[in-house]
Amino acid sequence: MKVDVYDTYATSVNGATIHFDVLVPTGTTAETAFKFARQWLDQVGLGEAELKQTRCSFCHTENAGARVIIDVEQDGYHIIRMEGCPKP
């Protein structure tokens, strides 16, 4: 399975940067990737973070690993946590 990677940044209510990638099936619209980013922020307790469509940008396409495939098939997306993300 190939996935598109959206490099995503949000700003928490205290001004901290939240950086994560949203991985979605290739061909998914940018609007859908943005919705998944917003959904994930809500799920991890960061629903009040500021997320702008322009901060969720297509980066590249790659082959998905096993965990990514499972998440994409189950939820429609996979998140790679980077800077400022809460621990799982």
C-alpha atoms as a PDB file:
ATOM      1  CA  MET A   1       0.000   0.000   0.000  1.00  0.00           C
ATOM      2  CA  LYS A   2       1.220   3.479  -0.830  1.00  0.00           C
ATOM      3  CA  VAL A   3       0.397   6.401   1.450  1.00  0.00           C
ATOM      4  CA  ASP A   4       0.638  10.146   1.094  1.00  0.00           C
ATOM      5  CA  VAL A   5       2.405  11.941   3.934  1.00  0.00           C
ATOM      6  CA  TYR A   6       1.112  15.311   5.127  1.00  0.00           C
ATOM      7  CA  ASP A   7       3.583  17.288   7.237  1.00  0.00           C
ATOM      8  CA  THR A   8       1.405  18.947   9.876  1.00  0.00           C
ATOM      9  CA  TYR A   9       1.892  21.655  12.493  1.00  0.00           C
ATOM     10  CA  ALA A  10      -0.504  22.985  15.119  1.00  0.00           C
ATOM     11  CA  THR A  11      -0.085  25.411  17.987  1.00  0.00           C
ATOM     12  CA  SER A  12      -1.239  24.461  21.476  1.00  0.00           C
ATOM     13  CA  VAL A  13      -3.172  26.901  23.654  1.00  0.00           C
ATOM     14  CA  ASN A  14       0.062  27.645  25.544  1.00  0.00           C
ATOM     15  CA  GLY A  15       1.879  28.441  22.281  1.00  0.00           C
ATOM     16  CA  ALA A  16       3.876  25.217  21.929  1.00  0.00           C
ATOM     17  CA  THR A  17       4.428  23.699  18.492  1.00  0.00           C
ATOM     18  CA  ILE A  18       2.819  20.328  17.783  1.00  0.00           C
ATOM     19  CA  HIS A  19       4.422  18.608  14.789  1.00  0.00           C
ATOM     20  CA  PHE A  20       3.162  15.326  13.349  1.00  0.00           C
ATOM     21  CA  ASP A  21       2.682  13.563  10.036  1.00  0.00           C
ATOM     22  CA  VAL A  22      -0.693  12.357   8.795  1.00  0.00           C
ATOM     23  CA  LEU A  23      -0.411   9.298   6.535  1.00  0.00           C
ATOM     24  CA  VAL A  24      -3.395   8.573   4.295  1.00  0.00           C
ATOM     25  CA  PRO A  25      -4.053   6.342   1.279  1.00  0.00           C
ATOM     26  CA  THR A  26      -2.556   7.799  -1.884  1.00  0.00           C
ATOM     27  CA  GLY A  27      -5.049  10.058  -3.613  1.00  0.00           C
ATOM     28  CA  THR A  28      -6.779  11.212  -0.419  1.00  0.00           C
ATOM     29  CA  THR A  29      -7.634  14.901  -0.625  1.00  0.00           C
ATOM     30  CA  ALA A  30      -5.799  17.502   1.421  1.00  0.00           C
ATOM     31  CA  GLU A  31      -9.118  18.420   3.030  1.00  0.00           C
ATOM     32  CA  THR A  32      -9.570  14.854   4.267  1.00  0.00           C
ATOM     33  CA  ALA A  33      -6.010  14.726   5.629  1.00  0.00           C
ATOM     34  CA  PHE A  34      -6.746  17.977   7.483  1.00  0.00           C
ATOM     35  CA  LYS A  35      -9.937  16.484   8.952  1.00  0.00           C
ATOM     36  CA  PHE A  36      -7.974  13.463  10.155  1.00  0.00           C
ATOM     37  CA  ALA A  37      -5.387  15.783  11.736  1.00  0.00           C
ATOM     38  CA  ARG A  38      -8.154  17.651  13.568  1.00  0.00           C
ATOM     39  CA  GLN A  39      -9.740  14.345  14.639  1.00  0.00           C
ATOM     40  CA  TRP A  40      -6.439  13.074  16.032  1.00  0.00           C
ATOM     41  CA  LEU A  41      -5.826  16.300  17.957  1.00  0.00           C
ATOM     42  CA  ASP A  42      -9.264  15.889  19.540  1.00  0.00           C
ATOM     43  CA  GLN A  43      -8.529  12.249  20.435  1.00  0.00           C
ATOM     44  CA  VAL A  44      -5.255  13.072  22.223  1.00  0.00           C
ATOM     45  CA  GLY A  45      -6.722  15.944  24.231  1.00  0.00           C
ATOM     46  CA  LEU A  46      -5.375  18.763  22.083  1.00  0.00           C
ATOM     47  CA  GLY A  47      -8.680  19.700  20.481  1.00  0.00           C
ATOM     48  CA  GLU A  48      -8.216  23.373  21.278  1.00  0.00           C
ATOM     49  CA  ALA A  49      -4.911  23.549  19.393  1.00  0.00           C
ATOM     50  CA  GLU A  50      -4.868  25.894  16.417  1.00  0.00           C
ATOM     51  CA  LEU A  51      -4.591  23.972  13.164  1.00  0.00           C
ATOM     52  CA  LYS A  52      -4.726  25.752   9.829  1.00  0.00           C
ATOM     53  CA  GLN A  53      -5.218  24.021   6.483  1.00  0.00           C
ATOM     54  CA  THR A  54      -2.020  25.670   5.217  1.00  0.00           C
ATOM     55  CA  ARG A  55      -0.079  23.922   8.008  1.00  0.00           C
ATOM     56  CA  CYS A  56      -1.105  20.443   6.801  1.00  0.00           C
ATOM     57  CA  SER A  57       0.934  20.120   3.606  1.00  0.00           C
ATOM     58  CA  PHE A  58       1.518  17.218   1.242  1.00  0.00           C
ATOM     59  CA  CYS A  59       5.126  16.115   1.623  1.00  0.00           C
ATOM     60  CA  HIS A  60       5.648  12.859  -0.299  1.00  0.00           C
ATOM     61  CA  THR A  61       4.342   9.363  -1.058  1.00  0.00           C
ATOM     62  CA  GLU A  62       5.872   6.240   0.451  1.00  0.00           C
ATOM     63  CA  ASN A  63       5.268   2.536   0.925  1.00  0.00           C
ATOM     64  CA  ALA A  64       3.375   1.805   4.130  1.00  0.00           C
ATOM     65  CA  GLY A  65       4.706  -0.488   6.828  1.00  0.00           C
ATOM     66  CA  ALA A  66       2.589  -3.109   8.576  1.00  0.00           C
ATOM     67  CA  ARG A  67       1.429  -0.862  11.475  1.00  0.00           C
ATOM     68  CA  VAL A  68       0.519   1.946   9.071  1.00  0.00           C
ATOM     69  CA  ILE A  69      -1.528  -0.426   6.907  1.00  0.00           C
ATOM     70  CA  ILE A  70      -3.450  -1.682   9.947  1.00  0.00           C
ATOM     71  CA  ASP A  71      -4.236   1.866  11.117  1.00  0.00           C
ATOM     72  CA  VAL A  72      -5.197   3.090   7.636  1.00  0.00           C
ATOM     73  CA  GLU A  73      -7.493   0.116   7.081  1.00  0.00           C
ATOM     74  CA  GLN A  74      -9.083   0.579  10.516  1.00  0.00           C
ATOM     75  CA  ASP A  75      -9.192   4.381  10.899  1.00  0.00           C
ATOM     76  CA  GLY A  76      -8.436   5.802   7.460  1.00  0.00           C
ATOM     77  CA  TYR A  77      -5.130   7.347   8.588  1.00  0.00           C
ATOM     78  CA  HIS A  78      -1.966   6.875  10.663  1.00  0.00           C
ATOM     79  CA  ILE A  79      -0.140   9.495  12.726  1.00  0.00           C
ATOM     80  CA  ILE A  80       3.605   9.767  13.191  1.00  0.00           C
ATOM     81  CA  ARG A  81       4.216  11.834  16.326  1.00  0.00           C
ATOM     82  CA  MET A  82       7.095  14.270  16.293  1.00  0.00           C
ATOM     83  CA  GLU A  83       7.625  17.523  18.165  1.00  0.00           C
ATOM     84  CA  GLY A  84       5.347  18.453  21.065  1.00  0.00           C
ATOM     85  CA  CYS A  85       3.012  15.454  20.747  1.00  0.00           C
ATOM     86  CA  PRO A  86       1.672  13.703  23.834  1.00  0.00           C
ATOM     87  CA  LYS A  87       3.058  10.227  24.464  1.00  0.00           C
ATOM     88  CA  PRO A  88       0.792   7.369  23.396  1.00  0.00           C
END
